Amino acid sequence: MKTLLADRTLVDLLRKAYSAEKAAAFAYQGHAGSVKNKDEKKSIKQIEMDEWNHRREVGMIMSQYHIPVSKWYEVKSYFIGRTLCISCYLIGWFMPFYFAGSLESGNVCEYIRMKRLFNKLNITEHDKILYEMSVKEKEHEIFFYEKIKNNKRLPFFERIFSWGKKSKNDVDLENGFKIDTTNSHCKGFGEKIRNERKAS
């Protein structure tokens, strides 16, 4: 059955997000299992549950528009997720927190971008859930950053991977991030990060 969405970029974003959430959830299984602190373990398990919920929500949107799941993205995400899951037991405490925060930081803009593309098609019925998922991803980013912000390795990793004090998005939950202003965020933010990496 042919997809009901004409925007190929949006269709691909949805398919990638659906599979990427599975990879993230698998990674958090290993992350939660590798940490010793009970509070950290509990928080990471909750983040895993959030990722499975995001996958379900994105899947419902895809189903509504007859967008098929990408077998390639699913296989790719499975192996990435399982590899990250195992690596959490091997690379120490800092790196799983760092790369999880970096990943979540980028995901914030992905859901905002989806909302903007839907709105260009005059579709607003998904605004609330896409906004809520972007907020949740930002909350995840903040959680991971707070855990490592005083770690002596952070400046080095930030120079190489462009995340830390510098976020990959321009969302500020403390100073107001509301659904009616969502589309004004993350414009060109991905390009900005990529240009900074080239210059460093």
N, C-alpha and C. Protein backbone atom coordinates (compact mmCIF):
# COMPACT_ATOMS: atom_id res chain seq x y z
N MET A 1 0.84 -1.20 0.00
CA MET A 1 0.00 0.00 0.00
C MET A 1 0.88 1.25 0.00
N LYS A 2 0.53 2.21 -0.83
CA LYS A 2 1.33 3.42 -0.97
C LYS A 2 1.17 4.33 0.25
N THR A 3 2.30 4.93 0.67
CA THR A 3 2.25 5.85 1.80
C THR A 3 1.40 7.07 1.48
N LEU A 4 0.74 7.60 2.50
CA LEU A 4 -0.13 8.75 2.33
C LEU A 4 0.59 10.07 2.54
N LEU A 5 1.88 10.02 2.83
CA LEU A 5 2.67 11.24 3.00
C LEU A 5 3.53 11.48 1.77
N ALA A 6 3.46 12.69 1.22
CA ALA A 6 4.22 13.00 0.01
C ALA A 6 5.65 13.43 0.31
N ASP A 7 5.91 13.85 1.54
CA ASP A 7 7.24 14.35 1.91
C ASP A 7 8.17 13.18 2.21
N ARG A 8 9.09 12.90 1.30
CA ARG A 8 10.00 11.76 1.45
C ARG A 8 10.95 11.94 2.63
N THR A 9 11.35 13.19 2.87
CA THR A 9 12.25 13.47 4.00
C THR A 9 11.57 13.11 5.31
N LEU A 10 10.32 13.50 5.45
CA LEU A 10 9.56 13.19 6.65
C LEU A 10 9.36 11.69 6.81
N VAL A 11 9.04 11.02 5.73
CA VAL A 11 8.85 9.56 5.77
C VAL A 11 10.13 8.89 6.26
N ASP A 12 11.27 9.32 5.73
CA ASP A 12 12.54 8.72 6.12
C ASP A 12 12.89 9.04 7.56
N LEU A 13 12.59 10.25 8.01
CA LEU A 13 12.83 10.61 9.41
C LEU A 13 12.04 9.72 10.35
N LEU A 14 10.80 9.47 10.01
CA LEU A 14 9.95 8.61 10.84
C LEU A 14 10.49 7.18 10.88
N ARG A 15 10.88 6.67 9.74
CA ARG A 15 11.40 5.31 9.69
C ARG A 15 12.71 5.17 10.46
N LYS A 16 13.58 6.17 10.32
CA LYS A 16 14.85 6.14 11.05
C LYS A 16 14.61 6.24 12.56
N ALA A 17 13.70 7.13 12.95
CA ALA A 17 13.42 7.32 14.37
C ALA A 17 12.84 6.04 14.98
N TYR A 18 11.95 5.41 14.26
CA TYR A 18 11.33 4.17 14.76
C TYR A 18 12.39 3.13 15.08
N SER A 19 13.33 2.94 14.18
CA SER A 19 14.38 1.94 14.38
C SER A 19 15.43 2.41 15.37
N ALA A 20 15.76 3.69 15.33
CA ALA A 20 16.79 4.22 16.23
C ALA A 20 16.37 4.12 17.69
N GLU A 21 15.08 4.24 17.95
CA GLU A 21 14.61 4.12 19.33
C GLU A 21 14.86 2.72 19.87
N LYS A 22 14.78 1.73 19.00
CA LYS A 22 15.08 0.36 19.42
C LYS A 22 16.55 0.22 19.76
N ALA A 23 17.41 0.80 18.92
CA ALA A 23 18.85 0.74 19.19
C ALA A 23 19.18 1.41 20.52
N ALA A 24 18.54 2.55 20.77
CA ALA A 24 18.79 3.27 22.02
C ALA A 24 18.32 2.45 23.22
N ALA A 25 17.15 1.84 23.09
CA ALA A 25 16.61 1.05 24.20
C ALA A 25 17.54 -0.12 24.53
N PHE A 26 18.04 -0.81 23.50
CA PHE A 26 18.98 -1.91 23.73
C PHE A 26 20.24 -1.40 24.42
N ALA A 27 20.74 -0.24 23.98
CA ALA A 27 21.95 0.33 24.57
C ALA A 27 21.74 0.63 26.05
N TYR A 28 20.55 1.15 26.39
CA TYR A 28 20.27 1.49 27.78
C TYR A 28 20.11 0.26 28.66
N GLN A 29 19.77 -0.86 28.06
CA GLN A 29 19.74 -2.10 28.83
C GLN A 29 21.13 -2.42 29.35
N GLY A 30 22.13 -2.29 28.47
CA GLY A 30 23.50 -2.52 28.88
C GLY A 30 24.01 -1.45 29.83
N HIS A 31 23.62 -0.21 29.57
CA HIS A 31 24.05 0.89 30.41
C HIS A 31 23.53 0.71 31.84
N ALA A 32 22.25 0.40 31.96
CA ALA A 32 21.66 0.19 33.29
C ALA A 32 22.32 -0.99 33.99
N GLY A 33 22.61 -2.03 33.22
CA GLY A 33 23.23 -3.20 33.82
C GLY A 33 24.67 -2.97 34.26
N SER A 34 25.33 -2.01 33.64
CA SER A 34 26.76 -1.81 33.92
C SER A 34 27.03 -0.87 35.10
N VAL A 35 26.04 -0.03 35.45
CA VAL A 35 26.29 0.91 36.56
C VAL A 35 25.97 0.25 37.90
N LYS A 36 26.66 0.68 38.93
CA LYS A 36 26.49 0.09 40.26
C LYS A 36 25.54 0.90 41.13
N ASN A 37 25.48 2.20 40.89
CA ASN A 37 24.62 3.06 41.69
C ASN A 37 23.15 2.75 41.42
N LYS A 38 22.40 2.45 42.47
CA LYS A 38 21.00 2.02 42.32
C LYS A 38 20.12 3.11 41.73
N ASP A 39 20.36 4.35 42.12
CA ASP A 39 19.55 5.46 41.59
C ASP A 39 19.83 5.67 40.10
N GLU A 40 21.10 5.58 39.72
CA GLU A 40 21.45 5.70 38.30
C GLU A 40 20.83 4.56 37.50
N LYS A 41 20.90 3.37 38.04
CA LYS A 41 20.33 2.20 37.37
C LYS A 41 18.82 2.38 37.15
N LYS A 42 18.14 2.86 38.17
CA LYS A 42 16.70 3.07 38.07
C LYS A 42 16.36 4.13 37.02
N SER A 43 17.11 5.22 37.02
CA SER A 43 16.87 6.31 36.07
C SER A 43 17.11 5.86 34.63
N ILE A 44 18.16 5.11 34.41
CA ILE A 44 18.49 4.65 33.06
C ILE A 44 17.45 3.64 32.58
N LYS A 45 16.96 2.80 33.47
CA LYS A 45 15.90 1.86 33.08
C LYS A 45 14.63 2.61 32.67
N GLN A 46 14.34 3.71 33.36
CA GLN A 46 13.18 4.52 32.99
C GLN A 46 13.39 5.17 31.63
N ILE A 47 14.61 5.60 31.35
CA ILE A 47 14.90 6.18 30.04
C ILE A 47 14.73 5.12 28.95
N GLU A 48 15.14 3.89 29.25
CA GLU A 48 14.90 2.80 28.29
C GLU A 48 13.42 2.65 28.00
N MET A 49 12.59 2.70 29.05
CA MET A 49 11.15 2.59 28.86
C MET A 49 10.60 3.75 28.02
N ASP A 50 11.18 4.93 28.24
CA ASP A 50 10.77 6.10 27.44
C ASP A 50 11.06 5.87 25.96
N GLU A 51 12.20 5.24 25.67
CA GLU A 51 12.57 5.00 24.28
C GLU A 51 11.62 3.98 23.62
N TRP A 52 11.26 2.94 24.36
CA TRP A 52 10.30 1.98 23.82
C TRP A 52 8.95 2.66 23.57
N ASN A 53 8.57 3.57 24.45
CA ASN A 53 7.32 4.29 24.28
C ASN A 53 7.38 5.20 23.05
N HIS A 54 8.53 5.85 22.84
CA HIS A 54 8.69 6.69 21.66
C HIS A 54 8.58 5.85 20.39
N ARG A 55 9.18 4.67 20.42
CA ARG A 55 9.10 3.77 19.25
C ARG A 55 7.64 3.41 18.97
N ARG A 56 6.89 3.14 20.04
CA ARG A 56 5.47 2.81 19.85
C ARG A 56 4.70 3.98 19.26
N GLU A 57 4.95 5.18 19.76
CA GLU A 57 4.24 6.36 19.26
C GLU A 57 4.59 6.65 17.80
N VAL A 58 5.87 6.56 17.46
CA VAL A 58 6.27 6.78 16.08
C VAL A 58 5.67 5.70 15.18
N GLY A 59 5.64 4.48 15.67
CA GLY A 59 5.04 3.38 14.91
C GLY A 59 3.57 3.62 14.63
N MET A 60 2.85 4.20 15.58
CA MET A 60 1.44 4.50 15.37
C MET A 60 1.25 5.56 14.29
N ILE A 61 2.14 6.55 14.28
CA ILE A 61 2.06 7.58 13.23
C ILE A 61 2.35 6.96 11.87
N MET A 62 3.38 6.12 11.81
CA MET A 62 3.72 5.47 10.55
C MET A 62 2.57 4.62 10.04
N SER A 63 1.93 3.90 10.93
CA SER A 63 0.80 3.05 10.55
C SER A 63 -0.34 3.88 9.98
N GLN A 64 -0.57 5.04 10.56
CA GLN A 64 -1.67 5.90 10.11
C GLN A 64 -1.49 6.32 8.65
N TYR A 65 -0.21 6.49 8.23
CA TYR A 65 0.06 6.93 6.86
C TYR A 65 0.59 5.81 5.97
N HIS A 66 0.43 4.57 6.44
CA HIS A 66 0.84 3.39 5.68
C HIS A 66 2.32 3.43 5.31
N ILE A 67 3.14 3.86 6.26
CA ILE A 67 4.58 3.89 6.04
C ILE A 67 5.18 2.58 6.53
N PRO A 68 5.77 1.80 5.67
CA PRO A 68 6.33 0.51 6.09
C PRO A 68 7.61 0.69 6.90
N VAL A 69 7.83 -0.21 7.82
CA VAL A 69 9.07 -0.23 8.58
C VAL A 69 10.21 -0.61 7.65
N SER A 70 11.33 0.05 7.79
CA SER A 70 12.50 -0.27 6.97
C SER A 70 13.23 -1.49 7.55
N LYS A 71 13.30 -2.55 6.77
CA LYS A 71 14.00 -3.74 7.23
C LYS A 71 15.49 -3.44 7.43
N TRP A 72 16.05 -2.60 6.55
CA TRP A 72 17.46 -2.25 6.66
C TRP A 72 17.73 -1.48 7.95
N TYR A 73 16.90 -0.47 8.24
CA TYR A 73 17.08 0.30 9.47
C TYR A 73 16.90 -0.57 10.71
N GLU A 74 15.98 -1.52 10.62
CA GLU A 74 15.72 -2.40 11.76
C GLU A 74 16.92 -3.30 12.04
N VAL A 75 17.48 -3.90 11.00
CA VAL A 75 18.64 -4.77 11.17
C VAL A 75 19.84 -3.97 11.65
N LYS A 76 20.06 -2.82 11.02
CA LYS A 76 21.16 -1.95 11.40
C LYS A 76 21.05 -1.53 12.86
N SER A 77 19.85 -1.12 13.27
CA SER A 77 19.64 -0.66 14.64
C SER A 77 19.79 -1.79 15.64
N TYR A 78 19.38 -2.99 15.25
CA TYR A 78 19.53 -4.14 16.15
C TYR A 78 20.99 -4.37 16.49
N PHE A 79 21.84 -4.39 15.46
CA PHE A 79 23.26 -4.67 15.70
C PHE A 79 23.95 -3.51 16.41
N ILE A 80 23.58 -2.29 16.06
CA ILE A 80 24.15 -1.13 16.76
C ILE A 80 23.76 -1.16 18.23
N GLY A 81 22.47 -1.39 18.49
CA GLY A 81 21.99 -1.42 19.86
C GLY A 81 22.62 -2.50 20.70
N ARG A 82 22.73 -3.69 20.13
CA ARG A 82 23.32 -4.81 20.87
C ARG A 82 24.82 -4.59 21.10
N THR A 83 25.50 -4.00 20.11
CA THR A 83 26.93 -3.71 20.27
C THR A 83 27.14 -2.69 21.38
N LEU A 84 26.32 -1.64 21.38
CA LEU A 84 26.42 -0.62 22.43
C LEU A 84 26.09 -1.21 23.80
N CYS A 85 25.13 -2.10 23.82
CA CYS A 85 24.73 -2.76 25.06
C CYS A 85 25.93 -3.48 25.68
N ILE A 86 26.63 -4.25 24.88
CA ILE A 86 27.79 -5.00 25.36
C ILE A 86 28.94 -4.07 25.73
N SER A 87 29.14 -3.03 24.91
CA SER A 87 30.28 -2.13 25.12
C SER A 87 30.19 -1.38 26.45
N CYS A 88 28.96 -1.18 26.95
CA CYS A 88 28.80 -0.46 28.22
C CYS A 88 29.52 -1.16 29.37
N TYR A 89 29.68 -2.48 29.25
CA TYR A 89 30.37 -3.24 30.29
C TYR A 89 31.89 -3.19 30.14
N LEU A 90 32.35 -2.62 29.01
CA LEU A 90 33.78 -2.69 28.70
C LEU A 90 34.49 -1.34 28.70
N ILE A 91 33.75 -0.24 28.55
CA ILE A 91 34.40 1.05 28.33
C ILE A 91 34.36 1.99 29.54
N GLY A 92 33.98 1.46 30.68
CA GLY A 92 34.00 2.29 31.88
C GLY A 92 32.73 3.07 32.11
N TRP A 93 32.76 3.93 33.11
CA TRP A 93 31.55 4.65 33.53
C TRP A 93 31.28 5.89 32.69
N PHE A 94 32.31 6.66 32.35
CA PHE A 94 32.12 7.97 31.73
C PHE A 94 31.54 7.91 30.33
N MET A 95 32.11 7.12 29.46
CA MET A 95 31.72 7.15 28.05
C MET A 95 30.27 6.78 27.77
N PRO A 96 29.70 5.77 28.44
CA PRO A 96 28.26 5.52 28.21
C PRO A 96 27.39 6.73 28.56
N PHE A 97 27.73 7.43 29.64
CA PHE A 97 26.97 8.63 30.00
C PHE A 97 27.18 9.73 28.97
N TYR A 98 28.42 9.90 28.54
CA TYR A 98 28.71 10.97 27.59
C TYR A 98 27.98 10.74 26.26
N PHE A 99 28.15 9.57 25.68
CA PHE A 99 27.58 9.33 24.36
C PHE A 99 26.05 9.22 24.40
N ALA A 100 25.51 8.79 25.53
CA ALA A 100 24.05 8.79 25.68
C ALA A 100 23.53 10.22 25.68
N GLY A 101 24.22 11.11 26.39
CA GLY A 101 23.82 12.51 26.41
C GLY A 101 23.92 13.16 25.05
N SER A 102 24.98 12.85 24.33
CA SER A 102 25.17 13.39 22.98
C SER A 102 24.06 12.91 22.04
N LEU A 103 23.73 11.63 22.13
CA LEU A 103 22.66 11.05 21.31
C LEU A 103 21.33 11.72 21.59
N GLU A 104 20.99 11.84 22.87
CA GLU A 104 19.72 12.43 23.25
C GLU A 104 19.64 13.89 22.82
N SER A 105 20.77 14.59 22.88
CA SER A 105 20.83 15.99 22.47
C SER A 105 20.43 16.16 21.01
N GLY A 106 20.91 15.27 20.16
CA GLY A 106 20.56 15.32 18.74
C GLY A 106 19.12 14.92 18.48
N ASN A 107 18.61 14.00 19.28
CA ASN A 107 17.24 13.52 19.07
C ASN A 107 16.20 14.60 19.31
N VAL A 108 16.53 15.57 20.16
CA VAL A 108 15.58 16.66 20.43
C VAL A 108 15.16 17.32 19.13
N CYS A 109 16.13 17.66 18.29
CA CYS A 109 15.84 18.36 17.04
C CYS A 109 15.16 17.46 16.02
N GLU A 110 15.38 16.17 16.09
CA GLU A 110 14.74 15.27 15.13
C GLU A 110 13.22 15.32 15.26
N TYR A 111 12.72 15.33 16.49
CA TYR A 111 11.27 15.38 16.67
C TYR A 111 10.69 16.76 16.36
N ILE A 112 11.47 17.80 16.64
CA ILE A 112 11.03 19.14 16.27
C ILE A 112 10.98 19.27 14.74
N ARG A 113 11.96 18.70 14.08
CA ARG A 113 11.98 18.74 12.62
C ARG A 113 10.79 17.99 12.04
N MET A 114 10.44 16.86 12.62
CA MET A 114 9.26 16.13 12.16
C MET A 114 8.01 16.98 12.28
N LYS A 115 7.86 17.64 13.42
CA LYS A 115 6.68 18.49 13.65
C LYS A 115 6.62 19.60 12.60
N ARG A 116 7.76 20.21 12.33
CA ARG A 116 7.80 21.30 11.36
C ARG A 116 7.40 20.80 9.97
N LEU A 117 7.88 19.62 9.60
CA LEU A 117 7.55 19.07 8.28
C LEU A 117 6.08 18.68 8.19
N PHE A 118 5.52 18.14 9.27
CA PHE A 118 4.09 17.84 9.29
C PHE A 118 3.29 19.13 9.13
N ASN A 119 3.71 20.16 9.84
CA ASN A 119 2.99 21.43 9.78
C ASN A 119 3.03 22.05 8.39
N LYS A 120 4.12 21.85 7.65
CA LYS A 120 4.20 22.34 6.27
C LYS A 120 3.19 21.66 5.38
N LEU A 121 2.78 20.47 5.79
CA LEU A 121 1.74 19.73 5.06
C LEU A 121 0.35 20.04 5.62
N ASN A 122 0.30 21.03 6.51
CA ASN A 122 -0.96 21.43 7.18
C ASN A 122 -1.53 20.31 8.05
N ILE A 123 -0.64 19.49 8.61
CA ILE A 123 -1.03 18.43 9.53
C ILE A 123 -0.57 18.82 10.93
N THR A 124 -1.50 18.97 11.84
CA THR A 124 -1.17 19.42 13.20
C THR A 124 -1.57 18.41 14.28
N GLU A 125 -2.20 17.32 13.89
CA GLU A 125 -2.71 16.38 14.89
C GLU A 125 -1.61 15.67 15.68
N HIS A 126 -0.37 15.70 15.18
CA HIS A 126 0.73 15.04 15.88
C HIS A 126 1.59 16.02 16.68
N ASP A 127 1.19 17.27 16.69
CA ASP A 127 2.00 18.31 17.36
C ASP A 127 2.29 17.96 18.81
N LYS A 128 1.27 17.57 19.54
CA LYS A 128 1.41 17.34 20.98
C LYS A 128 2.40 16.22 21.27
N ILE A 129 2.25 15.08 20.60
CA ILE A 129 3.12 13.95 20.91
C ILE A 129 4.55 14.21 20.45
N LEU A 130 4.74 14.88 19.31
CA LEU A 130 6.09 15.19 18.85
C LEU A 130 6.76 16.21 19.77
N TYR A 131 5.98 17.17 20.24
CA TYR A 131 6.49 18.14 21.21
C TYR A 131 6.89 17.43 22.51
N GLU A 132 6.02 16.56 23.00
CA GLU A 132 6.29 15.85 24.25
C GLU A 132 7.52 14.95 24.13
N MET A 133 7.71 14.33 22.97
CA MET A 133 8.88 13.48 22.80
C MET A 133 10.16 14.32 22.74
N SER A 134 10.10 15.49 22.13
CA SER A 134 11.28 16.36 22.10
C SER A 134 11.63 16.84 23.51
N VAL A 135 10.61 17.13 24.32
CA VAL A 135 10.85 17.52 25.71
C VAL A 135 11.49 16.38 26.49
N LYS A 136 10.97 15.19 26.29
CA LYS A 136 11.51 14.02 27.01
C LYS A 136 12.97 13.77 26.63
N GLU A 137 13.28 13.91 25.34
CA GLU A 137 14.67 13.73 24.92
C GLU A 137 15.57 14.78 25.56
N LYS A 138 15.06 16.01 25.69
CA LYS A 138 15.84 17.07 26.33
C LYS A 138 16.05 16.74 27.81
N GLU A 139 15.04 16.22 28.46
CA GLU A 139 15.19 15.81 29.85
C GLU A 139 16.24 14.72 30.00
N HIS A 140 16.27 13.79 29.05
CA HIS A 140 17.30 12.75 29.06
C HIS A 140 18.68 13.37 28.91
N GLU A 141 18.82 14.30 27.98
CA GLU A 141 20.11 14.97 27.77
C GLU A 141 20.58 15.64 29.07
N ILE A 142 19.68 16.34 29.71
CA ILE A 142 20.03 17.05 30.95
C ILE A 142 20.48 16.06 32.03
N PHE A 143 19.77 14.94 32.13
CA PHE A 143 20.14 13.92 33.12
C PHE A 143 21.57 13.45 32.92
N PHE A 144 21.90 13.09 31.68
CA PHE A 144 23.25 12.57 31.41
C PHE A 144 24.32 13.66 31.59
N TYR A 145 24.00 14.87 31.16
CA TYR A 145 24.98 15.95 31.32
C TYR A 145 25.27 16.23 32.79
N GLU A 146 24.24 16.24 33.60
CA GLU A 146 24.42 16.51 35.03
C GLU A 146 25.33 15.48 35.68
N LYS A 147 25.33 14.28 35.17
CA LYS A 147 26.17 13.22 35.74
C LYS A 147 27.65 13.42 35.42
N ILE A 148 27.95 14.08 34.30
CA ILE A 148 29.35 14.16 33.86
C ILE A 148 29.90 15.58 33.79
N LYS A 149 29.10 16.58 34.12
CA LYS A 149 29.50 17.97 33.89
C LYS A 149 30.77 18.37 34.63
N ASN A 150 31.08 17.71 35.72
CA ASN A 150 32.29 18.03 36.48
C ASN A 150 33.43 17.04 36.26
N ASN A 151 33.22 16.11 35.33
CA ASN A 151 34.25 15.12 35.07
C ASN A 151 35.40 15.73 34.27
N LYS A 152 36.61 15.44 34.64
CA LYS A 152 37.79 16.05 34.01
C LYS A 152 37.95 15.66 32.55
N ARG A 153 37.28 14.57 32.12
CA ARG A 153 37.40 14.16 30.72
C ARG A 153 36.46 14.89 29.79
N LEU A 154 35.48 15.59 30.34
CA LEU A 154 34.46 16.23 29.51
C LEU A 154 35.04 17.24 28.51
N PRO A 155 35.92 18.16 28.90
CA PRO A 155 36.44 19.13 27.92
C PRO A 155 37.10 18.47 26.71
N PHE A 156 37.84 17.40 26.94
CA PHE A 156 38.49 16.68 25.84
C PHE A 156 37.46 16.08 24.89
N PHE A 157 36.46 15.40 25.44
CA PHE A 157 35.42 14.78 24.61
C PHE A 157 34.59 15.84 23.89
N GLU A 158 34.36 16.96 24.56
CA GLU A 158 33.57 18.03 23.94
C GLU A 158 34.27 18.60 22.71
N ARG A 159 35.59 18.74 22.78
CA ARG A 159 36.34 19.25 21.64
C ARG A 159 36.23 18.32 20.45
N ILE A 160 36.21 17.03 20.69
CA ILE A 160 36.19 16.05 19.61
C ILE A 160 34.78 15.80 19.08
N PHE A 161 33.81 15.68 19.99
CA PHE A 161 32.47 15.24 19.59
C PHE A 161 31.41 16.34 19.66
N SER A 162 31.79 17.55 20.01
CA SER A 162 30.90 18.73 19.93
C SER A 162 29.65 18.62 20.77
N TRP A 163 29.76 17.98 21.91
CA TRP A 163 28.63 17.99 22.86
C TRP A 163 29.18 18.04 24.27
N GLY A 164 28.48 18.78 25.11
CA GLY A 164 28.85 18.94 26.51
C GLY A 164 28.15 20.19 26.99
N LYS A 165 28.94 21.22 27.33
CA LYS A 165 28.33 22.51 27.65
C LYS A 165 27.59 23.06 26.44
N LYS A 166 28.13 22.75 25.25
CA LYS A 166 27.45 23.10 24.00
C LYS A 166 26.50 21.98 23.63
N SER A 167 25.23 22.31 23.61
CA SER A 167 24.22 21.32 23.25
C SER A 167 24.10 21.22 21.73
N LYS A 168 23.49 20.15 21.26
CA LYS A 168 23.21 19.99 19.84
C LYS A 168 21.84 20.55 19.48
N ASN A 169 21.21 21.23 20.42
CA ASN A 169 19.92 21.86 20.17
C ASN A 169 19.85 23.18 20.93
N ASP A 170 18.87 23.99 20.60
CA ASP A 170 18.72 25.29 21.26
C ASP A 170 17.49 25.34 22.16
N VAL A 171 17.10 24.19 22.67
CA VAL A 171 15.94 24.10 23.55
C VAL A 171 16.37 24.36 24.99
N ASP A 172 15.65 25.24 25.67
CA ASP A 172 15.92 25.58 27.06
C ASP A 172 14.63 25.41 27.85
N LEU A 173 14.53 24.30 28.57
CA LEU A 173 13.28 24.00 29.29
C LEU A 173 13.03 24.98 30.42
N GLU A 174 14.07 25.49 31.03
CA GLU A 174 13.90 26.39 32.17
C GLU A 174 13.34 27.75 31.75
N ASN A 175 13.70 28.19 30.56
CA ASN A 175 13.26 29.52 30.11
C ASN A 175 12.08 29.46 29.15
N GLY A 176 11.43 28.33 29.14
CA GLY A 176 10.21 28.24 28.35
C GLY A 176 10.39 27.59 27.00
N PHE A 177 9.81 26.45 26.83
CA PHE A 177 9.80 25.74 25.55
C PHE A 177 8.38 25.23 25.38
N LYS A 178 7.59 25.94 24.60
CA LYS A 178 6.17 25.64 24.50
C LYS A 178 5.81 25.13 23.12
N ILE A 179 4.72 24.42 23.09
CA ILE A 179 4.33 23.75 21.85
C ILE A 179 4.09 24.74 20.72
N ASP A 180 3.59 25.94 21.03
CA ASP A 180 3.27 26.89 19.97
C ASP A 180 4.50 27.61 19.42
N THR A 181 5.65 27.43 20.07
CA THR A 181 6.89 28.04 19.56
C THR A 181 7.91 26.99 19.13
N THR A 182 7.49 25.75 19.14
CA THR A 182 8.42 24.64 18.84
C THR A 182 9.12 24.81 17.50
N ASN A 183 8.38 25.21 16.48
CA ASN A 183 8.94 25.26 15.13
C ASN A 183 10.02 26.32 14.95
N SER A 184 10.16 27.21 15.92
CA SER A 184 11.20 28.23 15.83
C SER A 184 12.55 27.70 16.31
N HIS A 185 12.57 26.50 16.85
CA HIS A 185 13.80 25.91 17.37
C HIS A 185 14.45 24.97 16.35
N CYS A 186 15.74 24.78 16.54
CA CYS A 186 16.52 23.78 15.78
C CYS A 186 16.64 24.09 14.29
N LYS A 187 16.41 25.32 13.90
CA LYS A 187 16.58 25.65 12.49
C LYS A 187 18.06 25.76 12.15
N GLY A 188 18.53 24.86 11.29
CA GLY A 188 19.93 24.87 10.90
C GLY A 188 20.89 24.43 11.99
N PHE A 189 20.35 23.86 13.09
CA PHE A 189 21.23 23.51 14.20
C PHE A 189 22.15 22.35 13.86
N GLY A 190 21.64 21.39 13.07
CA GLY A 190 22.47 20.27 12.65
C GLY A 190 23.64 20.73 11.80
N GLU A 191 23.37 21.70 10.88
CA GLU A 191 24.42 22.23 10.04
C GLU A 191 25.47 22.97 10.87
N LYS A 192 25.01 23.69 11.91
CA LYS A 192 25.91 24.43 12.77
C LYS A 192 26.88 23.50 13.47
N ILE A 193 26.38 22.39 13.99
CA ILE A 193 27.23 21.42 14.68
C ILE A 193 28.24 20.82 13.72
N ARG A 194 27.78 20.47 12.50
CA ARG A 194 28.69 19.86 11.54
C ARG A 194 29.80 20.83 11.12
N ASN A 195 29.45 22.10 10.96
CA ASN A 195 30.46 23.10 10.59
C ASN A 195 31.47 23.30 11.71
N GLU A 196 31.02 23.24 12.96
CA GLU A 196 31.92 23.38 14.10
C GLU A 196 32.90 22.21 14.15
N ARG A 197 32.41 21.02 13.81
CA ARG A 197 33.28 19.85 13.82
C ARG A 197 34.36 19.99 12.74
N LYS A 198 33.98 20.49 11.57
CA LYS A 198 34.95 20.65 10.47
C LYS A 198 36.02 21.67 10.84
N ALA A 199 35.61 22.71 11.57
CA ALA A 199 36.53 23.78 11.91
C ALA A 199 37.48 23.39 13.04
N SER A 200 37.07 22.42 13.89
CA SER A 200 37.89 22.05 15.05
C SER A 200 39.02 21.11 14.66
